[in-house]
């Protein structure tokens, strides 16, 4: 779904990647890193503060989980990630 949306936005918008789009009453805000993409599905547009926190989270995640991300790309096993710590980071950085 996200890949299709990303491709669609790139084709019609002339940009290389989707940042925010309104689709069926949802606002989808995405950020792109070197190895991963993150997207938030929101009921209203993302504030500038939330956009900045999401970008920070992406950079933090890629920096601290670099080896696990590369392993995941090879084997596809999510068990290599510490899900409890990631949930804590999401709550801490994104304030959700």
Protein backbone atom coordinates (compact mmCIF):
# COMPACT_ATOMS: atom_id res chain seq x y z
CA UNK A 1 0.00 0.00 0.00
CA UNK A 2 2.69 2.51 1.01
CA UNK A 3 4.85 1.61 -1.98
CA UNK A 4 1.90 2.14 -4.30
CA UNK A 5 1.08 5.48 -2.66
CA UNK A 6 4.73 6.54 -2.81
CA UNK A 7 4.96 5.65 -6.51
CA UNK A 8 1.68 7.40 -7.26
CA UNK A 9 2.73 10.61 -5.50
CA UNK A 10 6.12 10.54 -7.23
CA UNK A 11 4.50 10.15 -10.65
CA UNK A 12 1.90 12.90 -10.30
CA UNK A 13 3.78 15.26 -8.05
CA UNK A 14 7.19 15.25 -9.64
CA UNK A 15 8.86 14.59 -6.30
CA UNK A 16 11.10 11.66 -5.52
CA UNK A 17 9.20 10.63 -2.39
CA UNK A 18 5.97 11.12 -0.53
CA UNK A 19 6.04 13.34 2.53
CA UNK A 20 2.38 13.91 3.27
CA UNK A 21 -0.82 13.03 1.49
CA UNK A 22 -4.50 13.13 2.37
CA UNK A 23 -6.18 9.83 1.49
CA UNK A 24 -9.77 8.89 2.37
CA UNK A 25 -9.88 11.20 5.38
CA UNK A 26 -6.45 10.22 6.69
CA UNK A 27 -3.27 12.23 6.55
CA UNK A 28 -0.30 10.02 5.83
CA UNK A 29 3.03 11.57 6.73
CA UNK A 30 6.17 9.72 5.68
CA UNK A 31 9.91 10.15 6.20
CA UNK A 32 12.72 8.35 4.46
CA UNK A 33 16.06 7.19 5.77
CA UNK A 34 18.96 5.39 4.21
CA UNK A 35 17.49 1.94 4.91
CA UNK A 36 13.92 2.43 6.14
CA UNK A 37 10.72 4.38 5.54
CA UNK A 38 8.34 5.41 8.31
CA UNK A 39 4.74 6.52 7.92
CA UNK A 40 2.17 7.90 10.32
CA UNK A 41 -1.56 7.66 9.62
CA UNK A 42 -3.22 10.68 11.24
CA UNK A 43 -6.71 12.12 11.53
CA UNK A 44 -5.36 15.63 10.93
CA UNK A 45 -2.22 17.06 9.31
CA UNK A 46 1.02 16.54 11.21
CA UNK A 47 2.29 19.56 13.11
CA UNK A 48 5.78 20.80 12.37
CA UNK A 49 6.86 19.53 15.77
CA UNK A 50 5.59 16.01 15.02
CA UNK A 51 7.30 16.04 11.61
CA UNK A 52 10.58 16.98 13.28
CA UNK A 53 10.19 14.31 15.98
CA UNK A 54 9.42 11.65 13.36
CA UNK A 55 12.54 12.61 11.39
CA UNK A 56 14.58 12.51 14.61
CA UNK A 57 13.15 9.08 15.48
CA UNK A 58 14.04 7.75 12.04
CA UNK A 59 17.63 9.00 12.32
CA UNK A 60 17.95 7.68 15.88
CA UNK A 61 16.52 4.29 14.88
CA UNK A 62 18.80 3.89 11.87
CA UNK A 63 21.83 4.92 13.89
CA UNK A 64 21.16 2.66 16.89
CA UNK A 65 19.72 -0.34 15.02
CA UNK A 66 21.92 -0.24 11.91
CA UNK A 67 23.19 -3.82 12.22
CA UNK A 68 19.73 -5.20 13.01
CA UNK A 69 18.21 -3.34 10.03
CA UNK A 70 20.78 -4.87 7.70
CA UNK A 71 20.19 -8.32 9.18
CA UNK A 72 16.43 -7.87 8.86
CA UNK A 73 16.82 -6.98 5.18
CA UNK A 74 18.65 -10.30 4.69
CA UNK A 75 16.56 -12.65 6.84
CA UNK A 76 13.24 -10.84 7.43
CA UNK A 77 13.04 -11.83 11.11
CA UNK A 78 11.63 -9.08 13.34
CA UNK A 79 12.69 -10.98 16.49
CA UNK A 80 16.15 -9.42 16.20
CA UNK A 81 14.67 -6.10 17.37
CA UNK A 82 13.98 -5.30 21.02
CA UNK A 83 10.29 -4.47 20.60
CA UNK A 84 9.86 -3.25 24.18
CA UNK A 85 12.71 -0.75 23.80
CA UNK A 86 11.37 0.41 20.42
CA UNK A 87 7.93 1.00 21.93
CA UNK A 88 9.58 3.05 24.69
CA UNK A 89 11.45 5.10 22.06
CA UNK A 90 8.27 5.74 20.08
CA UNK A 91 6.47 6.94 23.20
CA UNK A 92 9.44 9.01 24.34
CA UNK A 93 10.34 10.68 21.05
CA UNK A 94 6.94 10.94 19.36
CA UNK A 95 5.02 11.60 22.60
CA UNK A 96 2.28 9.10 21.85
